[in-house]
Amino acid sequence: MAALLEQAGISYDKYIKGLGVNPIANFADTKNDFLIEFVHSCGIIN
């Protein structure tokens, strides 16, 4: 889904830049996988 969003013009890089220096992951079990966090921030996954 993250790759699909990129293909549709939704920028993962812009999302990462917006996180700042010390990003906090929403999910304890994703090992700070920010692709998962990116898609979650778009409201696509829960």
All heavy atoms as atom14 arrays in JSON, in Angstrom:
{
  "sequence": "MAALLEQAGISYDKYIKGLGVNPIANFADTKNDFLIEFVHSCGIIN",
  "atom14_mask": [
    [1, 1, 1, 1, 1, 1, 1, 1, 0, 0, 0, 0, 0, 0],
    [1, 1, 1, 1, 1, 0, 0, 0, 0, 0, 0, 0, 0, 0],
    [1, 1, 1, 1, 1, 0, 0, 0, 0, 0, 0, 0, 0, 0],
    [1, 1, 1, 1, 1, 1, 1, 1, 0, 0, 0, 0, 0, 0],
    [1, 1, 1, 1, 1, 1, 1, 1, 0, 0, 0, 0, 0, 0],
    [1, 1, 1, 1, 1, 1, 1, 1, 1, 0, 0, 0, 0, 0],
    [1, 1, 1, 1, 1, 1, 1, 1, 1, 0, 0, 0, 0, 0],
    [1, 1, 1, 1, 1, 0, 0, 0, 0, 0, 0, 0, 0, 0],
    [1, 1, 1, 1, 0, 0, 0, 0, 0, 0, 0, 0, 0, 0],
    [1, 1, 1, 1, 1, 1, 1, 1, 0, 0, 0, 0, 0, 0],
    [1, 1, 1, 1, 1, 1, 0, 0, 0, 0, 0, 0, 0, 0],
    [1, 1, 1, 1, 1, 1, 1, 1, 1, 1, 1, 1, 0, 0],
    [1, 1, 1, 1, 1, 1, 1, 1, 0, 0, 0, 0, 0, 0],
    [1, 1, 1, 1, 1, 1, 1, 1, 1, 0, 0, 0, 0, 0],
    [1, 1, 1, 1, 1, 1, 1, 1, 1, 1, 1, 1, 0, 0],
    [1, 1, 1, 1, 1, 1, 1, 1, 0, 0, 0, 0, 0, 0],
    [1, 1, 1, 1, 1, 1, 1, 1, 1, 0, 0, 0, 0, 0],
    [1, 1, 1, 1, 0, 0, 0, 0, 0, 0, 0, 0, 0, 0],
    [1, 1, 1, 1, 1, 1, 1, 1, 0, 0, 0, 0, 0, 0],
    [1, 1, 1, 1, 0, 0, 0, 0, 0, 0, 0, 0, 0, 0],
    [1, 1, 1, 1, 1, 1, 1, 0, 0, 0, 0, 0, 0, 0],
    [1, 1, 1, 1, 1, 1, 1, 1, 0, 0, 0, 0, 0, 0],
    [1, 1, 1, 1, 1, 1, 1, 0, 0, 0, 0, 0, 0, 0],
    [1, 1, 1, 1, 1, 1, 1, 1, 0, 0, 0, 0, 0, 0],
    [1, 1, 1, 1, 1, 0, 0, 0, 0, 0, 0, 0, 0, 0],
    [1, 1, 1, 1, 1, 1, 1, 1, 0, 0, 0, 0, 0, 0],
    [1, 1, 1, 1, 1, 1, 1, 1, 1, 1, 1, 0, 0, 0],
    [1, 1, 1, 1, 1, 0, 0, 0, 0, 0, 0, 0, 0, 0],
    [1, 1, 1, 1, 1, 1, 1, 1, 0, 0, 0, 0, 0, 0],
    [1, 1, 1, 1, 1, 1, 1, 0, 0, 0, 0, 0, 0, 0],
    [1, 1, 1, 1, 1, 1, 1, 1, 1, 0, 0, 0, 0, 0],
    [1, 1, 1, 1, 1, 1, 1, 1, 0, 0, 0, 0, 0, 0],
    [1, 1, 1, 1, 1, 1, 1, 1, 0, 0, 0, 0, 0, 0],
    [1, 1, 1, 1, 1, 1, 1, 1, 1, 1, 1, 0, 0, 0],
    [1, 1, 1, 1, 1, 1, 1, 1, 0, 0, 0, 0, 0, 0],
    [1, 1, 1, 1, 1, 1, 1, 1, 0, 0, 0, 0, 0, 0],
    [1, 1, 1, 1, 1, 1, 1, 1, 1, 0, 0, 0, 0, 0],
    [1, 1, 1, 1, 1, 1, 1, 1, 1, 1, 1, 0, 0, 0],
    [1, 1, 1, 1, 1, 1, 1, 0, 0, 0, 0, 0, 0, 0],
    [1, 1, 1, 1, 1, 1, 1, 1, 1, 1, 0, 0, 0, 0],
    [1, 1, 1, 1, 1, 1, 0, 0, 0, 0, 0, 0, 0, 0],
    [1, 1, 1, 1, 1, 1, 0, 0, 0, 0, 0, 0, 0, 0],
    [1, 1, 1, 1, 0, 0, 0, 0, 0, 0, 0, 0, 0, 0],
    [1, 1, 1, 1, 1, 1, 1, 1, 0, 0, 0, 0, 0, 0],
    [1, 1, 1, 1, 1, 1, 1, 1, 0, 0, 0, 0, 0, 0],
    [1, 1, 1, 1, 1, 1, 1, 1, 0, 0, 0, 0, 0, 0]
  ],
  "atom14_positions": [
    [[0.83, -1.21, 0.0], [0.0, 0.0, 0.0], [0.87, 1.26, 0.0], [0.53, 2.25, -0.63], [-0.95, 0.01, 1.19], [-2.03, -1.07, 1.15], [-3.22, -0.88, -0.21], [-2.5, -1.9, -1.47], [0.0, 0.0, 0.0], [0.0, 0.0, 0.0], [0.0, 0.0, 0.0], [0.0, 0.0, 0.0], [0.0, 0.0, 0.0], [0.0, 0.0, 0.0]],
    [[2.01, 1.23, 0.68], [2.93, 2.37, 0.67], [3.45, 2.6, -0.75], [3.53, 3.75, -1.21], [4.08, 2.14, 1.64], [0.0, 0.0, 0.0], [0.0, 0.0, 0.0], [0.0, 0.0, 0.0], [0.0, 0.0, 0.0], [0.0, 0.0, 0.0], [0.0, 0.0, 0.0], [0.0, 0.0, 0.0], [0.0, 0.0, 0.0], [0.0, 0.0, 0.0]],
    [[3.8, 1.53, -1.44], [4.28, 1.66, -2.83], [3.17, 2.19, -3.73], [3.41, 3.02, -4.61], [4.79, 0.3, -3.33], [0.0, 0.0, 0.0], [0.0, 0.0, 0.0], [0.0, 0.0, 0.0], [0.0, 0.0, 0.0], [0.0, 0.0, 0.0], [0.0, 0.0, 0.0], [0.0, 0.0, 0.0], [0.0, 0.0, 0.0], [0.0, 0.0, 0.0]],
    [[1.95, 1.74, -3.51], [0.82, 2.22, -4.28], [0.62, 3.72, -4.05], [0.39, 4.48, -5.0], [-0.44, 1.44, -3.87], [-1.71, 1.69, -4.67], [-2.57, 0.45, -4.65], [-2.48, 2.87, -4.14], [0.0, 0.0, 0.0], [0.0, 0.0, 0.0], [0.0, 0.0, 0.0], [0.0, 0.0, 0.0], [0.0, 0.0, 0.0], [0.0, 0.0, 0.0]],
    [[0.7, 4.16, -2.8], [0.56, 5.58, -2.5], [1.63, 6.4, -3.21], [1.35, 7.47, -3.76], [0.62, 5.82, -0.99], [-0.58, 5.32, -0.19], [-0.3, 5.42, 1.3], [-1.85, 6.07, -0.56], [0.0, 0.0, 0.0], [0.0, 0.0, 0.0], [0.0, 0.0, 0.0], [0.0, 0.0, 0.0], [0.0, 0.0, 0.0], [0.0, 0.0, 0.0]],
    [[2.86, 5.9, -3.2], [3.95, 6.59, -3.9], [3.63, 6.71, -5.4], [3.83, 7.76, -6.0], [5.28, 5.85, -3.71], [5.92, 6.08, -2.36], [6.69, 7.4, -2.27], [7.09, 7.97, -3.3], [6.88, 7.85, -1.13], [0.0, 0.0, 0.0], [0.0, 0.0, 0.0], [0.0, 0.0, 0.0], [0.0, 0.0, 0.0], [0.0, 0.0, 0.0]],
    [[3.13, 5.62, -5.99], [2.77, 5.63, -7.41], [1.65, 6.64, -7.69], [1.57, 7.2, -8.78], [2.34, 4.24, -7.88], [3.46, 3.25, -7.99], [4.42, 3.62, -9.1], [4.0, 3.88, -10.22], [5.7, 3.67, -8.8], [0.0, 0.0, 0.0], [0.0, 0.0, 0.0], [0.0, 0.0, 0.0], [0.0, 0.0, 0.0], [0.0, 0.0, 0.0]],
    [[0.8, 6.85, -6.7], [-0.32, 7.79, -6.84], [0.09, 9.22, -6.49], [-0.74, 10.13, -6.49], [-1.49, 7.34, -5.98], [0.0, 0.0, 0.0], [0.0, 0.0, 0.0], [0.0, 0.0, 0.0], [0.0, 0.0, 0.0], [0.0, 0.0, 0.0], [0.0, 0.0, 0.0], [0.0, 0.0, 0.0], [0.0, 0.0, 0.0], [0.0, 0.0, 0.0]],
    [[1.37, 9.42, -6.13], [1.87, 10.77, -5.87], [1.88, 11.2, -4.42], [2.12, 12.37, -4.12], [0.0, 0.0, 0.0], [0.0, 0.0, 0.0], [0.0, 0.0, 0.0], [0.0, 0.0, 0.0], [0.0, 0.0, 0.0], [0.0, 0.0, 0.0], [0.0, 0.0, 0.0], [0.0, 0.0, 0.0], [0.0, 0.0, 0.0], [0.0, 0.0, 0.0]],
    [[1.64, 10.28, -3.48], [1.69, 10.61, -2.06], [3.11, 10.31, -1.57], [3.55, 9.16, -1.6], [0.66, 9.79, -1.25], [-0.74, 9.9, -1.85], [0.68, 10.22, 0.21], [-1.28, 11.31, -1.94], [0.0, 0.0, 0.0], [0.0, 0.0, 0.0], [0.0, 0.0, 0.0], [0.0, 0.0, 0.0], [0.0, 0.0, 0.0], [0.0, 0.0, 0.0]],
    [[3.81, 11.32, -1.1], [5.23, 11.22, -0.83], [5.56, 10.66, 0.55], [5.26, 11.28, 1.57], [5.89, 12.59, -0.98], [7.24, 12.54, -0.59], [0.0, 0.0, 0.0], [0.0, 0.0, 0.0], [0.0, 0.0, 0.0], [0.0, 0.0, 0.0], [0.0, 0.0, 0.0], [0.0, 0.0, 0.0], [0.0, 0.0, 0.0], [0.0, 0.0, 0.0]],
    [[6.23, 9.52, 0.56], [6.76, 8.95, 1.8], [7.88, 9.84, 2.34], [7.96, 10.08, 3.54], [7.28, 7.53, 1.55], [8.03, 6.94, 2.71], [7.36, 6.54, 3.85], [9.41, 6.78, 2.67], [8.04, 5.99, 4.93], [10.1, 6.23, 3.74], [9.41, 5.84, 4.87], [10.08, 5.31, 5.93], [0.0, 0.0, 0.0], [0.0, 0.0, 0.0]],
    [[8.71, 10.37, 1.46], [9.82, 11.23, 1.89], [9.3, 12.46, 2.62], [9.86, 12.88, 3.63], [10.69, 11.65, 0.7], [11.51, 10.49, 0.15], [11.77, 9.54, 0.9], [11.87, 10.55, -1.03], [0.0, 0.0, 0.0], [0.0, 0.0, 0.0], [0.0, 0.0, 0.0], [0.0, 0.0, 0.0], [0.0, 0.0, 0.0], [0.0, 0.0, 0.0]],
    [[8.23, 13.06, 2.12], [7.63, 14.22, 2.78], [7.12, 13.82, 4.16], [7.27, 14.56, 5.13], [6.51, 14.78, 1.92], [5.9, 16.05, 2.45], [4.85, 16.58, 1.47], [4.19, 17.82, 2.04], [3.15, 18.33, 1.13], [0.0, 0.0, 0.0], [0.0, 0.0, 0.0], [0.0, 0.0, 0.0], [0.0, 0.0, 0.0], [0.0, 0.0, 0.0]],
    [[6.52, 12.64, 4.25], [6.03, 12.14, 5.54], [7.2, 12.0, 6.53], [7.12, 12.46, 7.66], [5.33, 10.79, 5.35], [5.07, 10.04, 6.64], [4.05, 10.43, 7.49], [5.86, 8.96, 7.0], [3.82, 9.76, 8.68], [5.63, 8.28, 8.18], [4.61, 8.68, 9.02], [4.39, 8.02, 10.19], [0.0, 0.0, 0.0], [0.0, 0.0, 0.0]],
    [[8.29, 11.38, 6.09], [9.45, 11.16, 6.95], [10.03, 12.5, 7.42], [10.35, 12.67, 8.59], [10.53, 10.32, 6.23], [10.07, 8.87, 6.09], [11.87, 10.38, 6.93], [9.88, 8.15, 7.4], [0.0, 0.0, 0.0], [0.0, 0.0, 0.0], [0.0, 0.0, 0.0], [0.0, 0.0, 0.0], [0.0, 0.0, 0.0], [0.0, 0.0, 0.0]],
    [[10.15, 13.45, 6.52], [10.67, 14.77, 6.9], [9.79, 15.43, 7.95], [10.27, 16.12, 8.83], [10.8, 15.67, 5.67], [11.96, 15.27, 4.79], [12.04, 16.13, 3.55], [13.15, 15.61, 2.64], [13.15, 16.25, 1.35], [0.0, 0.0, 0.0], [0.0, 0.0, 0.0], [0.0, 0.0, 0.0], [0.0, 0.0, 0.0], [0.0, 0.0, 0.0]],
    [[8.48, 15.2, 7.87], [7.55, 15.77, 8.83], [7.62, 15.15, 10.21], [7.1, 15.72, 11.18], [0.0, 0.0, 0.0], [0.0, 0.0, 0.0], [0.0, 0.0, 0.0], [0.0, 0.0, 0.0], [0.0, 0.0, 0.0], [0.0, 0.0, 0.0], [0.0, 0.0, 0.0], [0.0, 0.0, 0.0], [0.0, 0.0, 0.0], [0.0, 0.0, 0.0]],
    [[8.26, 14.0, 10.32], [8.33, 13.33, 11.62], [9.31, 14.01, 12.57], [9.21, 13.87, 13.78], [8.74, 11.86, 11.44], [7.72, 10.95, 10.8], [8.31, 9.55, 10.64], [6.42, 10.9, 11.58], [0.0, 0.0, 0.0], [0.0, 0.0, 0.0], [0.0, 0.0, 0.0], [0.0, 0.0, 0.0], [0.0, 0.0, 0.0], [0.0, 0.0, 0.0]],
    [[10.28, 14.71, 12.03], [11.26, 15.37, 12.88], [12.37, 14.44, 13.3], [12.54, 13.33, 12.8], [0.0, 0.0, 0.0], [0.0, 0.0, 0.0], [0.0, 0.0, 0.0], [0.0, 0.0, 0.0], [0.0, 0.0, 0.0], [0.0, 0.0, 0.0], [0.0, 0.0, 0.0], [0.0, 0.0, 0.0], [0.0, 0.0, 0.0], [0.0, 0.0, 0.0]],
    [[13.14, 14.88, 14.3], [14.35, 14.18, 14.72], [14.06, 12.91, 15.51], [14.72, 11.9, 15.35], [15.24, 15.13, 15.55], [16.49, 14.42, 16.02], [15.59, 16.36, 14.74], [0.0, 0.0, 0.0], [0.0, 0.0, 0.0], [0.0, 0.0, 0.0], [0.0, 0.0, 0.0], [0.0, 0.0, 0.0], [0.0, 0.0, 0.0], [0.0, 0.0, 0.0]],
    [[13.07, 12.92, 16.38], [12.79, 11.78, 17.24], [11.38, 11.25, 17.02], [10.49, 11.46, 17.84], [12.96, 12.16, 18.72], [14.38, 12.53, 19.04], [15.29, 11.79, 18.68], [14.58, 13.65, 19.69], [0.0, 0.0, 0.0], [0.0, 0.0, 0.0], [0.0, 0.0, 0.0], [0.0, 0.0, 0.0], [0.0, 0.0, 0.0], [0.0, 0.0, 0.0]],
    [[11.16, 10.56, 15.91], [9.81, 10.06, 15.64], [9.4, 8.99, 16.64], [10.23, 8.26, 17.17], [9.92, 9.48, 14.23], [11.36, 9.14, 14.08], [12.12, 10.16, 14.89], [0.0, 0.0, 0.0], [0.0, 0.0, 0.0], [0.0, 0.0, 0.0], [0.0, 0.0, 0.0], [0.0, 0.0, 0.0], [0.0, 0.0, 0.0], [0.0, 0.0, 0.0]],
    [[8.12, 8.94, 16.91], [7.56, 7.95, 17.82], [6.65, 7.04, 17.02], [5.77, 7.51, 16.31], [6.77, 8.62, 18.96], [7.7, 9.52, 19.79], [6.08, 7.58, 19.83], [6.99, 10.38, 20.78], [0.0, 0.0, 0.0], [0.0, 0.0, 0.0], [0.0, 0.0, 0.0], [0.0, 0.0, 0.0], [0.0, 0.0, 0.0], [0.0, 0.0, 0.0]],
    [[6.87, 5.74, 17.13], [6.04, 4.77, 16.42], [4.72, 4.56, 17.16], [4.67, 4.6, 18.38], [6.78, 3.45, 16.3], [0.0, 0.0, 0.0], [0.0, 0.0, 0.0], [0.0, 0.0, 0.0], [0.0, 0.0, 0.0], [0.0, 0.0, 0.0], [0.0, 0.0, 0.0], [0.0, 0.0, 0.0], [0.0, 0.0, 0.0], [0.0, 0.0, 0.0]],
    [[3.65, 4.39, 16.4], [2.34, 4.11, 16.98], [2.23, 2.68, 17.48], [1.53, 2.41, 18.44], [1.24, 4.38, 15.96], [1.07, 5.84, 15.67], [0.81, 6.63, 16.57], [1.24, 6.23, 14.42], [0.0, 0.0, 0.0], [0.0, 0.0, 0.0], [0.0, 0.0, 0.0], [0.0, 0.0, 0.0], [0.0, 0.0, 0.0], [0.0, 0.0, 0.0]],
    [[2.9, 1.76, 16.8], [2.77, 0.34, 17.11], [4.04, -0.2, 17.74], [5.14, -0.01, 17.21], [2.44, -0.46, 15.85], [1.16, -0.03, 15.19], [1.18, 0.53, 13.93], [-0.06, -0.18, 15.82], [0.0, 0.93, 13.3], [-1.23, 0.21, 15.22], [-1.21, 0.77, 13.95], [0.0, 0.0, 0.0], [0.0, 0.0, 0.0], [0.0, 0.0, 0.0]],
    [[3.88, -0.88, 18.85], [5.04, -1.42, 19.58], [5.69, -2.6, 18.85], [6.85, -2.89, 19.09], [4.6, -1.86, 20.99], [0.0, 0.0, 0.0], [0.0, 0.0, 0.0], [0.0, 0.0, 0.0], [0.0, 0.0, 0.0], [0.0, 0.0, 0.0], [0.0, 0.0, 0.0], [0.0, 0.0, 0.0], [0.0, 0.0, 0.0], [0.0, 0.0, 0.0]],
    [[4.95, -3.26, 17.97], [5.46, -4.49, 17.35], [5.94, -4.32, 15.91], [6.16, -5.3, 15.22], [4.4, -5.59, 17.43], [3.11, -5.24, 16.71], [2.92, -4.06, 16.32], [2.27, -6.14, 16.55], [0.0, 0.0, 0.0], [0.0, 0.0, 0.0], [0.0, 0.0, 0.0], [0.0, 0.0, 0.0], [0.0, 0.0, 0.0], [0.0, 0.0, 0.0]],
    [[6.14, -3.1, 15.46], [6.58, -2.91, 14.08], [8.05, -2.53, 13.95], [8.54, -2.29, 12.85], [5.74, -1.84, 13.35], [5.85, -0.61, 14.06], [4.3, -2.28, 13.23], [0.0, 0.0, 0.0], [0.0, 0.0, 0.0], [0.0, 0.0, 0.0], [0.0, 0.0, 0.0], [0.0, 0.0, 0.0], [0.0, 0.0, 0.0], [0.0, 0.0, 0.0]],
    [[8.75, -2.48, 15.08], [10.18, -2.16, 15.08], [10.48, -0.88, 14.31], [11.4, -0.81, 13.5], [10.98, -3.33, 14.52], [10.86, -4.59, 15.36], [11.67, -5.72, 14.79], [11.48, -6.93, 15.68], [11.39, -8.16, 14.98], [0.0, 0.0, 0.0], [0.0, 0.0, 0.0], [0.0, 0.0, 0.0], [0.0, 0.0, 0.0], [0.0, 0.0, 0.0]],
    [[9.64, 0.13, 14.56], [9.79, 1.42, 13.9], [9.81, 1.32, 12.37], [10.56, 2.02, 11.7], [11.02, 2.17, 14.4], [10.87, 2.59, 15.84], [9.76, 2.82, 16.31], [11.97, 2.7, 16.55], [0.0, 0.0, 0.0], [0.0, 0.0, 0.0], [0.0, 0.0, 0.0], [0.0, 0.0, 0.0], [0.0, 0.0, 0.0], [0.0, 0.0, 0.0]],
    [[8.99, 0.45, 11.83], [8.83, 0.33, 10.38], [7.98, 1.51, 9.94], [6.75, 1.49, 10.06], [8.17, -1.0, 10.03], [8.01, -1.21, 8.54], [7.86, -0.21, 7.8], [8.01, -2.37, 8.11], [0.0, 0.0, 0.0], [0.0, 0.0, 0.0], [0.0, 0.0, 0.0], [0.0, 0.0, 0.0], [0.0, 0.0, 0.0], [0.0, 0.0, 0.0]],
    [[8.63, 2.55, 9.44], [7.9, 3.77, 9.13], [7.1, 3.69, 7.84], [6.28, 4.57, 7.58], [8.82, 4.99, 9.2], [9.14, 5.33, 10.63], [10.37, 5.01, 11.18], [8.18, 5.91, 11.44], [10.64, 5.29, 12.51], [8.44, 6.19, 12.77], [9.67, 5.88, 13.31], [0.0, 0.0, 0.0], [0.0, 0.0, 0.0], [0.0, 0.0, 0.0]],
    [[7.27, 2.64, 7.05], [6.34, 2.44, 5.93], [4.97, 2.06, 6.48], [3.93, 2.53, 6.0], [6.85, 1.37, 4.96], [7.94, 1.8, 4.0], [8.43, 0.62, 3.19], [7.48, 2.92, 3.09], [0.0, 0.0, 0.0], [0.0, 0.0, 0.0], [0.0, 0.0, 0.0], [0.0, 0.0, 0.0], [0.0, 0.0, 0.0], [0.0, 0.0, 0.0]],
    [[4.96, 1.2, 7.5], [3.69, 0.84, 8.14], [3.09, 2.07, 8.81], [1.89, 2.35, 8.68], [3.9, -0.31, 9.15], [4.24, -1.6, 8.42], [2.65, -0.5, 10.03], [4.62, -2.77, 9.3], [0.0, 0.0, 0.0], [0.0, 0.0, 0.0], [0.0, 0.0, 0.0], [0.0, 0.0, 0.0], [0.0, 0.0, 0.0], [0.0, 0.0, 0.0]],
    [[3.92, 2.85, 9.48], [3.44, 4.07, 10.14], [2.89, 5.07, 9.11], [1.89, 5.74, 9.35], [4.56, 4.7, 10.95], [5.07, 3.83, 12.08], [4.11, 3.68, 13.24], [3.2, 4.52, 13.41], [4.27, 2.71, 14.01], [0.0, 0.0, 0.0], [0.0, 0.0, 0.0], [0.0, 0.0, 0.0], [0.0, 0.0, 0.0], [0.0, 0.0, 0.0]],
    [[3.55, 5.17, 7.97], [3.11, 6.05, 6.88], [1.71, 5.67, 6.42], [0.82, 6.52, 6.33], [4.13, 5.95, 5.73], [3.73, 6.57, 4.43], [3.34, 7.9, 4.35], [3.8, 5.83, 3.26], [3.01, 8.48, 3.13], [3.47, 6.4, 2.04], [3.07, 7.73, 1.97], [0.0, 0.0, 0.0], [0.0, 0.0, 0.0], [0.0, 0.0, 0.0]],
    [[1.49, 4.4, 6.14], [0.19, 3.95, 5.66], [-0.87, 4.12, 6.76], [-2.0, 4.5, 6.48], [0.27, 2.49, 5.14], [-1.08, 1.98, 4.68], [1.27, 2.41, 3.99], [0.0, 0.0, 0.0], [0.0, 0.0, 0.0], [0.0, 0.0, 0.0], [0.0, 0.0, 0.0], [0.0, 0.0, 0.0], [0.0, 0.0, 0.0], [0.0, 0.0, 0.0]],
    [[-0.47, 3.88, 8.0], [-1.38, 4.11, 9.13], [-1.76, 5.58, 9.23], [-2.93, 5.92, 9.47], [-0.74, 3.63, 10.43], [-1.57, 3.86, 11.64], [-1.3, 4.89, 12.52], [-2.67, 3.24, 12.11], [-2.2, 4.88, 13.49], [-3.05, 3.89, 13.25], [0.0, 0.0, 0.0], [0.0, 0.0, 0.0], [0.0, 0.0, 0.0], [0.0, 0.0, 0.0]],
    [[-0.8, 6.47, 9.03], [-1.07, 7.91, 9.13], [-2.06, 8.37, 8.05], [-2.72, 9.39, 8.22], [0.22, 8.72, 9.03], [0.7, 8.77, 7.7], [0.0, 0.0, 0.0], [0.0, 0.0, 0.0], [0.0, 0.0, 0.0], [0.0, 0.0, 0.0], [0.0, 0.0, 0.0], [0.0, 0.0, 0.0], [0.0, 0.0, 0.0], [0.0, 0.0, 0.0]],
    [[-2.15, 7.62, 6.97], [-3.1, 7.93, 5.89], [-4.49, 7.36, 6.18], [-5.43, 7.58, 5.41], [-2.58, 7.38, 4.56], [-1.03, 8.13, 4.01], [0.0, 0.0, 0.0], [0.0, 0.0, 0.0], [0.0, 0.0, 0.0], [0.0, 0.0, 0.0], [0.0, 0.0, 0.0], [0.0, 0.0, 0.0], [0.0, 0.0, 0.0], [0.0, 0.0, 0.0]],
    [[-4.61, 6.6, 7.26], [-5.9, 6.02, 7.63], [-6.27, 4.78, 6.84], [-7.42, 4.36, 6.83], [0.0, 0.0, 0.0], [0.0, 0.0, 0.0], [0.0, 0.0, 0.0], [0.0, 0.0, 0.0], [0.0, 0.0, 0.0], [0.0, 0.0, 0.0], [0.0, 0.0, 0.0], [0.0, 0.0, 0.0], [0.0, 0.0, 0.0], [0.0, 0.0, 0.0]],
    [[-5.29, 4.17, 6.23], [-5.55, 2.99, 5.39], [-5.5, 1.7, 6.19], [-6.27, 0.78, 5.94], [-4.56, 2.96, 4.21], [-4.85, 4.16, 3.3], [-4.62, 1.65, 3.45], [-3.81, 4.43, 2.25], [0.0, 0.0, 0.0], [0.0, 0.0, 0.0], [0.0, 0.0, 0.0], [0.0, 0.0, 0.0], [0.0, 0.0, 0.0], [0.0, 0.0, 0.0]],
    [[-4.6, 1.64, 7.15], [-4.5, 0.44, 7.99], [-4.72, 0.81, 9.45], [-4.45, 1.94, 9.86], [-3.13, -0.25, 7.83], [-1.99, 0.68, 8.25], [-2.95, -0.78, 6.42], [-0.64, 0.02, 8.32], [0.0, 0.0, 0.0], [0.0, 0.0, 0.0], [0.0, 0.0, 0.0], [0.0, 0.0, 0.0], [0.0, 0.0, 0.0], [0.0, 0.0, 0.0]],
    [[-5.2, -0.15, 10.18], [-5.36, -0.02, 11.63], [-4.61, -1.17, 12.28], [-4.29, -2.16, 11.63], [-6.83, -0.1, 12.03], [-7.61, 1.11, 11.58], [-7.09, 2.22, 11.55], [-8.85, 0.89, 11.2], [0.0, 0.0, 0.0], [0.0, 0.0, 0.0], [0.0, 0.0, 0.0], [0.0, 0.0, 0.0], [0.0, 0.0, 0.0], [0.0, 0.0, 0.0]]
  ]
}
